C-alpha atoms as a PDB file:
ATOM      1  CA  MET A   1       0.000   0.000   0.000  1.00  0.00           C
ATOM      2  CA  GLN A   2       1.245   3.487  -0.848  1.00  0.00           C
ATOM      3  CA  ALA A   3       1.233   6.139   1.861  1.00  0.00           C
ATOM      4  CA  ASN A   4      -1.465   8.262   0.243  1.00  0.00           C
ATOM      5  CA  SER A   5      -4.512   7.337   2.302  1.00  0.00           C
ATOM      6  CA  SER A   6      -7.245   9.957   2.589  1.00  0.00           C
ATOM      7  CA  LEU A   7      -8.610  11.000   5.947  1.00  0.00           C
ATOM      8  CA  VAL A   8     -12.113   9.886   6.864  1.00  0.00           C
ATOM      9  CA  ILE A   9     -14.565  12.588   5.820  1.00  0.00           C
ATOM     10  CA  SER A  10     -17.949  12.778   7.530  1.00  0.00           C
ATOM     11  CA  SER A  11     -20.582  15.331   8.408  1.00  0.00           C
ATOM     12  CA  GLN A  12     -20.720  13.598  11.780  1.00  0.00           C
ATOM     13  CA  THR A  13     -18.136  15.056  14.159  1.00  0.00           C
ATOM     14  CA  ALA A  14     -19.362  13.679  17.494  1.00  0.00           C
ATOM     15  CA  ILE A  15     -21.027  10.560  18.895  1.00  0.00           C
ATOM     16  CA  HIS A  16     -24.249   9.839  17.019  1.00  0.00           C
ATOM     17  CA  GLU A  17     -27.269  11.087  18.957  1.00  0.00           C
ATOM     18  CA  GLN A  18     -29.038   7.773  18.336  1.00  0.00           C
ATOM     19  CA  LEU A  19     -26.179   5.560  19.526  1.00  0.00           C
ATOM     20  CA  ALA A  20     -27.366   5.020  23.111  1.00  0.00           C
ATOM     21  CA  ALA A  21     -30.935   4.233  22.034  1.00  0.00           C
ATOM     22  CA  THR A  22     -29.682   1.914  19.303  1.00  0.00           C
ATOM     23  CA  VAL A  23     -27.412  -0.007  21.690  1.00  0.00           C
ATOM     24  CA  ALA A  24     -30.195  -0.257  24.291  1.00  0.00           C
ATOM     25  CA  ARG A  25     -32.634  -1.598  21.700  1.00  0.00           C
ATOM     26  CA  HIS A  26     -30.193  -4.249  20.549  1.00  0.00           C
ATOM     27  CA  ALA A  27     -29.352  -5.245  24.124  1.00  0.00           C
ATOM     28  CA  ALA A  28     -33.037  -5.760  24.897  1.00  0.00           C
ATOM     29  CA  SER A  29     -33.629  -8.125  21.980  1.00  0.00           C
ATOM     30  CA  THR A  30     -32.195 -11.338  20.564  1.00  0.00           C
ATOM     31  CA  TYR A  31     -30.663 -11.259  17.109  1.00  0.00           C
ATOM     32  CA  ARG A  32     -32.186 -14.240  15.316  1.00  0.00           C
ATOM     33  CA  LYS A  33     -30.656 -14.146  11.846  1.00  0.00           C
ATOM     34  CA  PRO A  34     -30.179 -17.801  10.795  1.00  0.00           C
ATOM     35  CA  ILE A  35     -26.623 -19.130  10.849  1.00  0.00           C
ATOM     36  CA  MET A  36     -25.391 -19.867   7.349  1.00  0.00           C
ATOM     37  CA  PRO A  37     -24.051 -23.398   6.802  1.00  0.00           C
ATOM     38  CA  TYR A  38     -20.659 -22.227   5.478  1.00  0.00           C
ATOM     39  CA  ASN A  39     -20.159 -20.169   8.648  1.00  0.00           C
ATOM     40  CA  GLN A  40     -21.016 -23.159  10.820  1.00  0.00           C
ATOM     41  CA  ALA A  41     -18.533 -25.283   8.876  1.00  0.00           C
ATOM     42  CA  ALA A  42     -15.808 -22.636   9.226  1.00  0.00           C
ATOM     43  CA  PHE A  43     -16.488 -22.333  12.935  1.00  0.00           C
ATOM     44  CA  ASP A  44     -16.326 -26.097  13.419  1.00  0.00           C
ATOM     45  CA  ALA A  45     -13.030 -26.276  11.519  1.00  0.00           C
ATOM     46  CA  SER A  46     -11.526 -23.472  13.588  1.00  0.00           C
ATOM     47  CA  MET A  47     -12.564 -25.109  16.847  1.00  0.00           C
ATOM     48  CA  ALA A  48     -11.036 -28.393  15.720  1.00  0.00           C
ATOM     49  CA  ALA A  49      -7.755 -26.630  14.850  1.00  0.00           C
ATOM     50  CA  TRP A  50      -7.738 -24.836  18.198  1.00  0.00           C
ATOM     51  CA  LYS A  51      -8.316 -28.058  20.140  1.00  0.00           C
ATOM     52  CA  ALA A  52      -5.682 -29.887  18.085  1.00  0.00           C
ATOM     53  CA  ALA A  53      -3.237 -27.168  19.134  1.00  0.00           C
ATOM     54  CA  GLY A  54      -3.972 -27.820  22.797  1.00  0.00           C
ATOM     55  CA  SER A  55      -6.773 -25.307  23.414  1.00  0.00           C
ATOM     56  CA  ALA A  56      -4.325 -22.554  24.372  1.00  0.00           C
ATOM     57  CA  PRO A  57      -5.792 -19.174  25.394  1.00  0.00           C
ATOM     58  CA  LEU A  58      -7.614 -17.885  22.345  1.00  0.00           C
ATOM     59  CA  ILE A  59      -7.148 -14.626  20.450  1.00  0.00           C
ATOM     60  CA  LEU A  60      -9.753 -13.572  17.882  1.00  0.00           C
ATOM     61  CA  ASP A  61      -8.589 -11.293  15.068  1.00  0.00           C
ATOM     62  CA  ALA A  62     -11.975 -10.111  13.827  1.00  0.00           C
ATOM     63  CA  GLY A  63     -11.898  -8.807  10.272  1.00  0.00           C
ATOM     64  CA  CYS A  64      -8.303  -9.913   9.715  1.00  0.00           C
ATOM     65  CA  GLY A  65      -8.148  -8.959   6.017  1.00  0.00           C
ATOM     66  CA  VAL A  66      -5.114 -10.567   4.399  1.00  0.00           C
ATOM     67  CA  GLY A  67      -4.112 -11.947   7.794  1.00  0.00           C
ATOM     68  CA  LEU A  68      -0.899 -10.029   8.526  1.00  0.00           C
ATOM     69  CA  SER A  69      -2.388  -8.990  11.863  1.00  0.00           C
ATOM     70  CA  THR A  70      -3.130 -12.647  12.642  1.00  0.00           C
ATOM     71  CA  LEU A  71       0.509 -13.555  12.003  1.00  0.00           C
ATOM     72  CA  ASN A  72       1.779 -10.598  14.026  1.00  0.00           C
ATOM     73  CA  LEU A  73      -0.493 -11.430  16.960  1.00  0.00           C
ATOM     74  CA  ALA A  74       0.584 -15.076  16.834  1.00  0.00           C
ATOM     75  CA  GLN A  75       4.205 -13.992  17.016  1.00  0.00           C
ATOM     76  CA  SER A  76       3.519 -11.520  19.835  1.00  0.00           C
ATOM     77  CA  PHE A  77       1.550 -14.082  21.877  1.00  0.00           C
ATOM     78  CA  PRO A  78       3.308 -17.426  21.273  1.00  0.00           C
ATOM     79  CA  ASP A  79       1.459 -19.076  24.168  1.00  0.00           C
ATOM     80  CA  HIS A  80      -1.934 -18.239  22.610  1.00  0.00           C
ATOM     81  CA  PHE A  81      -3.794 -19.562  19.573  1.00  0.00           C
ATOM     82  CA  VAL A  82      -4.935 -16.888  17.109  1.00  0.00           C
ATOM     83  CA  ILE A  83      -7.944 -17.232  14.828  1.00  0.00           C
ATOM     84  CA  GLY A  84      -8.189 -14.653  12.051  1.00  0.00           C
ATOM     85  CA  VAL A  85     -11.648 -14.300  10.508  1.00  0.00           C
ATOM     86  CA  ASP A  86     -12.596 -12.325   7.402  1.00  0.00           C
ATOM     87  CA  GLN A  87     -15.594 -12.510   5.104  1.00  0.00           C
ATOM     88  CA  SER A  88     -13.516 -12.121   1.920  1.00  0.00           C
ATOM     89  CA  ALA A  89     -12.223 -15.348   0.395  1.00  0.00           C
ATOM     90  CA  ASP A  90      -9.943 -13.262  -1.840  1.00  0.00           C
ATOM     91  CA  ARG A  91      -8.277 -11.512   1.099  1.00  0.00           C
ATOM     92  CA  ILE A  92      -7.885 -14.734   3.073  1.00  0.00           C
ATOM     93  CA  ALA A  93      -6.271 -16.446   0.051  1.00  0.00           C
ATOM     94  CA  ARG A  94      -3.626 -13.762  -0.495  1.00  0.00           C
ATOM     95  CA  LYS A  95      -0.065 -14.480   0.530  1.00  0.00           C
ATOM     96  CA  VAL A  96       1.344 -11.842   2.845  1.00  0.00           C
ATOM     97  CA  ALA A  97       4.971 -10.807   3.207  1.00  0.00           C
ATOM     98  CA  TRP A  98       6.427 -12.396   6.312  1.00  0.00           C
ATOM     99  CA  HIS A  99      10.020 -12.599   7.524  1.00  0.00           C
ATOM    100  CA  GLY A 100      11.042 -15.807   9.221  1.00  0.00           C
ATOM    101  CA  PRO A 101       9.074 -19.008   9.745  1.00  0.00           C
ATOM    102  CA  LEU A 102       5.311 -18.754   9.726  1.00  0.00           C
ATOM    103  CA  PRO A 103       3.789 -18.946  13.223  1.00  0.00           C
ATOM    104  CA  GLN A 104       2.176 -22.315  13.844  1.00  0.00           C
ATOM    105  CA  ASN A 105      -0.194 -21.050  16.530  1.00  0.00           C
ATOM    106  CA  CYS A 106      -2.726 -19.446  14.190  1.00  0.00           C
ATOM    107  CA  ILE A 107      -5.195 -20.042  11.401  1.00  0.00           C
ATOM    108  CA  ARG A 108      -7.072 -17.790   9.010  1.00  0.00           C
ATOM    109  CA  LEU A 109     -10.521 -18.597   7.729  1.00  0.00           C
ATOM    110  CA  ARG A 110     -13.378 -17.156   5.729  1.00  0.00           C
ATOM    111  CA  ALA A 111     -16.568 -16.555   7.676  1.00  0.00           C
ATOM    112  CA  ASP A 112     -19.115 -13.857   8.346  1.00  0.00           C
ATOM    113  CA  LEU A 113     -18.293 -12.329  11.722  1.00  0.00           C
ATOM    114  CA  ILE A 114     -21.961 -11.839  12.550  1.00  0.00           C
ATOM    115  CA  ASP A 115     -22.403 -15.612  12.591  1.00  0.00           C
ATOM    116  CA  TYR A 116     -18.946 -16.423  13.933  1.00  0.00           C
ATOM    117  CA  TRP A 117     -19.325 -14.216  17.005  1.00  0.00           C
ATOM    118  CA  ARG A 118     -22.710 -15.753  17.827  1.00  0.00           C
ATOM    119  CA  LEU A 119     -21.381 -19.277  17.348  1.00  0.00           C
ATOM    120  CA  LEU A 120     -18.539 -18.557  19.772  1.00  0.00           C
ATOM    121  CA  LEU A 121     -20.986 -17.261  22.343  1.00  0.00           C
ATOM    122  CA  ALA A 122     -23.380 -20.187  21.920  1.00  0.00           C
ATOM    123  CA  ALA A 123     -20.500 -22.680  22.267  1.00  0.00           C
ATOM    124  CA  GLY A 124     -19.300 -21.043  25.481  1.00  0.00           C
ATOM    125  CA  VAL A 125     -15.925 -20.162  23.949  1.00  0.00           C
ATOM    126  CA  ARG A 126     -14.463 -16.983  25.428  1.00  0.00           C
ATOM    127  CA  PRO A 127     -11.426 -15.364  23.793  1.00  0.00           C
ATOM    128  CA  ALA A 128      -8.683 -14.178  26.104  1.00  0.00           C
ATOM    129  CA  ARG A 129      -8.063 -11.301  23.691  1.00  0.00           C
ATOM    130  CA  HIS A 130     -10.247  -9.879  20.940  1.00  0.00           C
ATOM    131  CA  TYR A 131      -9.112  -7.402  18.273  1.00  0.00           C
ATOM    132  CA  VAL A 132     -11.197  -5.390  15.803  1.00  0.00           C
ATOM    133  CA  LEU A 133      -8.566  -3.535  13.795  1.00  0.00           C
ATOM    134  CA  TYR A 134      -9.538  -0.760  11.398  1.00  0.00           C
ATOM    135  CA  PRO A 135     -13.060  -1.858  10.495  1.00  0.00           C
ATOM    136  CA  ASN A 136     -14.922  -0.114   7.698  1.00  0.00           C
ATOM    137  CA  PRO A 137     -15.953   3.142   9.432  1.00  0.00           C
ATOM    138  CA  TRP A 138     -19.172   3.670   7.452  1.00  0.00           C
ATOM    139  CA  PRO A 139     -18.774   7.418   8.082  1.00  0.00           C
ATOM    140  CA  LYS A 140     -22.073   8.718   6.693  1.00  0.00           C
ATOM    141  CA  LYS A 141     -24.409   9.653   9.511  1.00  0.00           C
ATOM    142  CA  PRO A 142     -27.264   7.335   8.403  1.00  0.00           C
ATOM    143  CA  GLN A 143     -24.803   4.409   8.441  1.00  0.00           C
ATOM    144  CA  LEU A 144     -24.660   4.032  12.233  1.00  0.00           C
ATOM    145  CA  GLY A 145     -26.251   0.573  12.013  1.00  0.00           C
ATOM    146  CA  ARG A 146     -23.426  -0.632   9.751  1.00  0.00           C
ATOM    147  CA  ARG A 147     -20.744   0.185  12.321  1.00  0.00           C
ATOM    148  CA  TRP A 148     -20.060  -2.788  14.593  1.00  0.00           C
ATOM    149  CA  HIS A 149     -21.078  -0.976  17.780  1.00  0.00           C
ATOM    150  CA  GLY A 150     -24.352   0.037  16.102  1.00  0.00           C
ATOM    151  CA  HIS A 151     -25.114  -3.468  14.814  1.00  0.00           C
ATOM    152  CA  PRO A 152     -27.509  -5.874  16.568  1.00  0.00           C
ATOM    153  CA  VAL A 153     -24.638  -8.359  17.052  1.00  0.00           C
ATOM    154  CA  PHE A 154     -22.588  -6.036  19.269  1.00  0.00           C
ATOM    155  CA  PRO A 155     -24.119  -7.185  22.597  1.00  0.00           C
ATOM    156  CA  ALA A 156     -22.918 -10.709  21.721  1.00  0.00           C
ATOM    157  CA  VAL A 157     -19.436  -9.329  21.004  1.00  0.00           C
ATOM    158  CA  VAL A 158     -19.297  -7.707  24.442  1.00  0.00           C
ATOM    159  CA  ALA A 159     -20.693 -10.845  26.088  1.00  0.00           C
ATOM    160  CA  LEU A 160     -17.675 -12.798  24.809  1.00  0.00           C
ATOM    161  CA  GLY A 161     -15.553 -10.965  27.377  1.00  0.00           C
ATOM    162  CA  GLY A 162     -11.768 -10.868  27.513  1.00  0.00           C
ATOM    163  CA  HIS A 163      -9.427  -8.054  26.558  1.00  0.00           C
ATOM    164  CA  PHE A 164     -11.209  -6.175  23.761  1.00  0.00           C
ATOM    165  CA  GLU A 165      -9.440  -3.639  21.559  1.00  0.00           C
ATOM    166  CA  CYS A 166     -10.681  -1.660  18.565  1.00  0.00           C
ATOM    167  CA  ARG A 167      -8.506   0.649  16.453  1.00  0.00           C
ATOM    168  CA  SER A 168      -9.438   3.192  13.790  1.00  0.00           C
ATOM    169  CA  ASN A 169      -8.133   6.300  12.072  1.00  0.00           C
ATOM    170  CA  TRP A 170     -11.530   7.972  12.670  1.00  0.00           C
ATOM    171  CA  ARG A 171     -11.752   9.248  16.245  1.00  0.00           C
ATOM    172  CA  THR A 172     -15.548   9.377  16.201  1.00  0.00           C
ATOM    173  CA  TYR A 173     -15.705   5.629  15.530  1.00  0.00           C
ATOM    174  CA  ILE A 174     -13.586   4.940  18.602  1.00  0.00           C
ATOM    175  CA  GLU A 175     -15.558   7.402  20.731  1.00  0.00           C
ATOM    176  CA  GLU A 176     -18.763   5.609  19.759  1.00  0.00           C
ATOM    177  CA  CYS A 177     -17.277   2.163  20.309  1.00  0.00           C
ATOM    178  CA  ALA A 178     -16.044   3.196  23.764  1.00  0.00           C
ATOM    179  CA  ALA A 179     -19.467   4.596  24.660  1.00  0.00           C
ATOM    180  CA  ALA A 180     -21.219   1.419  23.506  1.00  0.00           C
ATOM    181  CA  LEU A 181     -18.782  -0.757  25.465  1.00  0.00           C
ATOM    182  CA  ASN A 182     -19.406   1.321  28.577  1.00  0.00           C
ATOM    183  CA  GLN A 183     -23.168   1.162  28.113  1.00  0.00           C
ATOM    184  CA  LEU A 184     -23.213  -2.620  27.739  1.00  0.00           C
ATOM    185  CA  SER A 185     -20.585  -3.531  30.337  1.00  0.00           C
ATOM    186  CA  GLY A 186     -20.821  -0.769  32.906  1.00  0.00           C
ATOM    187  CA  ILE A 187     -17.028  -0.414  32.721  1.00  0.00           C
ATOM    188  CA  PRO A 188     -15.577   3.028  31.943  1.00  0.00           C
ATOM    189  CA  VAL A 189     -13.905   2.997  28.529  1.00  0.00           C
ATOM    190  CA  ALA A 190     -12.093   5.974  27.050  1.00  0.00           C
ATOM    191  CA  PRO A 191     -10.732   6.592  23.565  1.00  0.00           C
ATOM    192  CA  GLU A 192      -6.977   7.032  23.479  1.00  0.00           C
ATOM    193  CA  PRO A 193      -4.368   7.809  20.827  1.00  0.00           C
ATOM    194  CA  CYS A 194      -2.341   4.896  19.497  1.00  0.00           C
ATOM    195  CA  ALA A 195       0.948   6.441  20.475  1.00  0.00           C
ATOM    196  CA  GLY A 196       4.299   4.690  20.298  1.00  0.00           C
ATOM    197  CA  LEU A 197       3.006   1.612  18.500  1.00  0.00           C
ATOM    198  CA  PRO A 198       5.602  -1.067  17.703  1.00  0.00           C
ATOM    199  CA  THR A 199       5.562  -2.713  14.279  1.00  0.00           C
ATOM    200  CA  PRO A 200       2.189  -1.973  12.625  1.00  0.00           C
ATOM    201  CA  LEU A 201      -0.176  -4.899  13.061  1.00  0.00           C
ATOM    202  CA  THR A 202      -2.016  -4.504   9.759  1.00  0.00           C
ATOM    203  CA  PRO A 203      -1.272  -3.147   6.277  1.00  0.00           C
ATOM    204  CA  PHE A 204      -3.873  -0.431   6.881  1.00  0.00           C
ATOM    205  CA  GLU A 205      -2.179   0.589  10.122  1.00  0.00           C
ATOM    206  CA  LYS A 206       1.117   1.000   8.287  1.00  0.00           C
ATOM    207  CA  LYS A 207      -0.529   2.937   5.475  1.00  0.00           C
ATOM    208  CA  TYR A 208      -2.311   5.280   7.877  1.00  0.00           C
ATOM    209  CA  LEU A 209       0.856   5.884   9.886  1.00  0.00           C
ATOM    210  CA  ASP A 210       2.889   6.513   6.748  1.00  0.00           C
ATOM    211  CA  SER A 211       0.170   8.922   5.582  1.00  0.00           C
ATOM    212  CA  GLY A 212       0.435  10.903   8.815  1.00  0.00           C
ATOM    213  CA  HIS A 213      -2.960   9.977  10.226  1.00  0.00           C
ATOM    214  CA  ALA A 214      -3.727  10.117  13.919  1.00  0.00           C
ATOM    215  CA  LEU A 215      -4.753   6.632  15.075  1.00  0.00           C
ATOM    216  CA  TRP A 216      -7.171   5.934  17.912  1.00  0.00           C
ATOM    217  CA  ARG A 217      -8.164   2.931  19.985  1.00  0.00           C
ATOM    218  CA  CYS A 218     -10.327   1.864  22.882  1.00  0.00           C
ATOM    219  CA  ARG A 219      -9.376  -1.010  25.192  1.00  0.00           C
ATOM    220  CA  VAL A 220     -11.221  -2.731  27.987  1.00  0.00           C
ATOM    221  CA  GLN A 221     -10.974  -5.922  30.037  1.00  0.00           C
ATOM    222  CA  LEU A 222     -14.493  -7.316  29.842  1.00  0.00           C
ATOM    223  CA  PRO A 223     -15.841  -9.752  32.440  1.00  0.00           C
END
């Protein structure tokens, strides 16, 4: 990726006024979208790979793209098992540049996160760490419901527990995510700059840094 990334442009410059009501509505209902068979099969395969590796503490790399973040997380946490999930078969199939031997404590798979998150919750599987790195910000104001914290699945994401971290180059996204996490968990969560990051975890993180963007994150240890 060349370092020419544009900043996120949006007419929305603060937390959406409908965020709290949207999160409350989703928390008070059960999301009943049927699980697609290919997502069930991907989930089953990932659980089998995790158990074959000894059921080490689990890290979920949600929306892993080409999977560089999955490899980096596996290297950073060698005593964990990392599952990278992305809905794009093309991205999952791409070979990523990697120096040294490939980490053996990770897999990448194609699945829809909406189903995968719910399958984890239903199976009683709780990640030790959970990363949502640079999701599509859907910056238009009417697109709140497309952002993960504005989606009906987000209460299930929070219910998974563990160390949760979301990063974005749009501060408003992180402010909203932090507010939704606080609303659902009761734990104070504050947006913070991603200052002094080591090696970028994802290609987008590198591109944004090289383009001079300010990066933001929210982190919380969920029960």
